[in-house]
Protein backbone atom coordinates (compact mmCIF):
# COMPACT_ATOMS: atom_id res chain seq x y z
CA MET A 1 6.10 -19.20 23.97
CA ALA A 2 9.05 -16.79 23.83
CA SER A 3 9.45 -13.65 25.82
CA THR A 4 8.46 -10.47 24.00
CA SER A 5 11.98 -9.10 24.52
CA ASP A 6 13.63 -11.64 22.17
CA LYS A 7 12.31 -10.54 18.78
CA THR A 8 14.09 -13.38 16.95
CA LYS A 9 11.79 -16.01 18.46
CA SER A 10 8.08 -16.53 17.85
CA TYR A 11 5.72 -14.68 20.11
CA ILE A 12 2.11 -15.76 19.67
CA PRO A 13 0.02 -14.22 22.45
CA SER A 14 -3.64 -14.89 23.17
CA ASN A 15 -4.80 -13.08 20.03
CA SER A 16 -7.66 -15.19 18.63
CA LEU A 17 -10.22 -17.51 20.14
CA GLN A 18 -8.68 -20.58 18.43
CA GLN A 19 -5.12 -20.20 19.80
CA ASP A 20 -3.49 -22.32 17.07
CA GLY A 21 -1.38 -19.79 15.16
CA TRP A 22 2.19 -20.70 14.19
CA SER A 23 5.24 -19.50 12.27
CA ASN A 24 8.38 -21.10 10.89
CA ASP A 25 11.34 -19.88 8.81
CA THR A 26 9.29 -19.21 5.67
CA GLU A 27 5.60 -19.04 6.59
CA ALA A 28 3.19 -17.82 9.25
CA THR A 29 -0.49 -17.88 10.00
CA ALA A 30 -2.94 -15.00 9.99
CA THR A 31 -6.16 -15.56 11.89
CA CYS A 32 -9.32 -13.52 12.39
CA PHE A 33 -10.30 -12.54 15.92
CA CYS A 34 -12.85 -15.33 16.40
CA GLY A 35 -10.54 -17.92 14.80
CA THR A 36 -12.98 -19.07 12.12
CA VAL A 37 -10.73 -17.88 9.25
CA GLN A 38 -7.04 -18.77 9.10
CA LEU A 39 -4.52 -18.25 6.30
CA ALA A 40 -0.89 -19.21 5.83
CA LEU A 41 1.31 -16.61 4.14
CA PRO A 42 4.96 -16.44 3.15
CA THR A 43 7.33 -14.34 5.22
CA GLU A 44 9.92 -13.94 2.46
CA SER A 45 10.16 -13.65 -1.32
CA PRO A 46 9.24 -14.74 -3.87
CA GLY A 47 5.73 -14.90 -2.37
CA LEU A 48 6.12 -11.87 -0.11
CA VAL A 49 6.07 -8.78 -2.31
CA GLU A 50 6.00 -5.83 0.10
CA VAL A 51 5.14 -4.72 3.63
CA PHE A 52 4.04 -1.10 3.98
CA VAL A 53 2.11 1.44 6.01
CA CYS A 54 -0.67 3.37 4.28
CA ASN A 55 -2.05 6.67 5.54
CA CYS A 56 -4.74 7.18 2.86
CA SER A 57 -8.31 8.07 3.78
CA ASP A 58 -9.58 4.71 2.55
CA CYS A 59 -7.21 2.74 4.81
CA ARG A 60 -8.14 4.99 7.73
CA LYS A 61 -11.83 4.29 7.31
CA ILE A 62 -11.59 0.54 6.55
CA THR A 63 -9.38 -0.08 9.62
CA ALA A 64 -11.15 2.39 11.94
CA SER A 65 -7.63 3.66 12.73
CA MET A 66 -5.32 6.39 11.44
CA PHE A 67 -3.29 4.15 9.11
CA ALA A 68 -3.07 0.55 7.95
CA SER A 69 -0.12 -1.82 8.00
CA ASN A 70 -0.32 -4.06 4.94
CA ILE A 71 1.40 -7.10 3.45
CA ILE A 72 1.28 -7.72 -0.30
CA VAL A 73 1.50 -11.44 -1.12
CA LYS A 74 1.23 -13.21 -4.47
CA ASP A 75 -2.07 -15.12 -4.68
CA GLU A 76 -0.49 -18.52 -5.28
CA TYR A 77 1.39 -18.29 -1.97
CA VAL A 78 -1.66 -17.61 0.23
CA LYS A 79 -3.20 -20.79 1.63
CA HIS A 80 -6.68 -20.79 3.15
CA LEU A 81 -6.26 -23.20 6.06
CA ARG A 82 -9.87 -22.85 7.21
CA GLY A 83 -12.92 -20.64 6.94
CA GLN A 84 -12.65 -19.47 3.32
CA GLU A 85 -16.39 -20.09 2.98
CA ASN A 86 -16.93 -17.75 5.95
CA LEU A 87 -15.45 -14.75 4.13
CA LYS A 88 -17.82 -12.08 2.86
CA THR A 89 -16.87 -9.34 0.43
CA PHE A 90 -17.52 -5.66 -0.05
CA SER A 91 -16.26 -3.95 -3.22
CA GLN A 92 -16.13 -0.34 -4.35
CA SER A 93 -13.96 2.10 -6.31
CA THR A 94 -15.23 5.52 -5.19
CA THR A 95 -12.65 6.14 -2.44
CA ILE A 96 -9.75 4.22 -3.99
CA GLY A 97 -6.85 6.42 -5.14
CA SER A 98 -6.47 4.61 -8.45
CA GLY A 99 -10.21 4.67 -9.16
CA LYS A 100 -10.03 0.90 -9.64
CA ASN A 101 -12.26 -1.54 -7.79
CA MET A 102 -11.03 -2.80 -4.40
CA THR A 103 -12.62 -5.82 -2.73
CA ASN A 104 -12.46 -6.32 1.04
CA TRP A 105 -12.60 -9.88 2.42
CA PHE A 106 -14.07 -10.00 5.97
CA CYS A 107 -14.83 -12.82 8.39
CA GLN A 108 -18.61 -12.78 8.52
CA THR A 109 -18.60 -13.93 12.16
CA CYS A 110 -16.30 -11.38 13.84
CA GLY A 111 -15.81 -8.77 11.10
CA THR A 112 -12.02 -8.99 10.87
CA LEU A 113 -10.70 -7.68 7.54
CA MET A 114 -8.39 -10.50 6.39
CA TYR A 115 -7.28 -9.03 3.06
CA ARG A 116 -8.10 -6.84 0.10
CA THR A 117 -7.81 -7.46 -3.63
CA SER A 118 -7.41 -4.73 -6.25
CA GLU A 119 -8.17 -4.46 -9.95
CA LYS A 120 -5.07 -2.26 -10.24
CA ILE A 121 -2.70 -4.94 -8.98
CA PRO A 122 -4.17 -8.33 -9.89
CA ASN A 123 -2.86 -11.69 -8.65
CA VAL A 124 -1.99 -10.44 -5.17
CA LYS A 125 -3.71 -10.14 -1.83
CA ILE A 126 -3.17 -7.18 0.49
CA LEU A 127 -3.25 -8.74 3.95
CA ARG A 128 -3.39 -6.86 7.26
CA LEU A 129 -0.28 -7.13 9.40
CA GLY A 130 -2.44 -7.12 12.54
CA THR A 131 -3.93 -10.51 11.61
CA VAL A 132 -0.53 -12.26 11.69
CA ASP A 133 -0.43 -14.50 14.76
CA ASP A 134 3.32 -14.22 15.50
CA PHE A 135 3.62 -10.66 16.81
CA ASN A 136 7.44 -10.62 16.57
CA LEU A 137 7.27 -10.91 12.77
CA ALA A 138 6.08 -7.27 12.71
CA GLU A 139 9.43 -6.40 14.31
CA THR A 140 11.53 -8.55 11.98
CA LYS A 141 10.58 -10.14 8.63
CA LEU A 142 7.27 -8.30 8.30
CA ARG A 143 8.38 -4.87 9.46
CA PRO A 144 7.06 -2.26 6.97
CA LYS A 145 9.66 -1.24 4.38
CA THR A 146 7.69 1.58 2.74
CA GLU A 147 5.08 4.15 3.63
CA GLN A 148 2.55 5.75 1.34
CA PHE A 149 0.18 8.73 1.39
CA ILE A 150 2.39 10.53 3.89
CA GLU A 151 0.65 13.76 2.90
CA ASP A 152 -2.39 12.36 4.77
CA ARG A 153 -0.43 11.18 7.82
CA VAL A 154 -1.67 12.58 11.15
CA SER A 155 0.76 14.95 12.82
CA TRP A 156 1.15 12.85 15.98
CA PHE A 157 2.44 9.83 14.03
CA SER A 158 6.02 10.32 12.86
CA GLY A 159 5.92 7.35 10.51
CA CYS A 160 7.11 3.81 10.73
CA GLY A 161 10.77 4.43 10.02
CA ALA A 162 10.31 2.98 6.55
CA GLU A 163 13.28 2.76 4.24
CA ARG A 164 11.45 4.65 1.53
CA VAL A 165 8.35 6.75 1.18
CA VAL A 166 6.06 6.35 -1.82
CA GLU A 167 3.85 9.34 -2.56
CA GLY A 168 0.23 8.34 -3.17
CA MET A 169 0.75 4.91 -4.78
CA GLY A 170 -3.02 4.30 -4.67
CA TYR A 171 -4.08 0.68 -4.94
């Protein structure tokens, strides 16, 4: 395991009960807290579409935090390594900016939100950056490039230093 100071090397701390996360040059794992569900996702295009921070009210509530850090990945590049049958869903459109249905995919054992799917943007999954096992990827390949709903950003958060801001994209 690499030191946290060298961001170019993998850093996979004790972050799930399974302790078997990994990353390589093009892929990484994302695991729920209990370790029952694990995915592999691309860390570069063409499978990786976007990494962004969202400040909308829906992302606040679904993460129990003040914003969400998200990764958009094309469906065909997401691999369920284990636990797909352990995912439960919750869908609604009432609080979604686009008014389109959004489905949340949770580990039924520990409650970790693994990803979301949207009627507005089909054929992709919106994964949570916090589920990625290699923490240094959030500093490098998976660092957010955009930020949305900045009008709803709390005053004590100055943003993520994103290259561009997208006003109210609304998935």
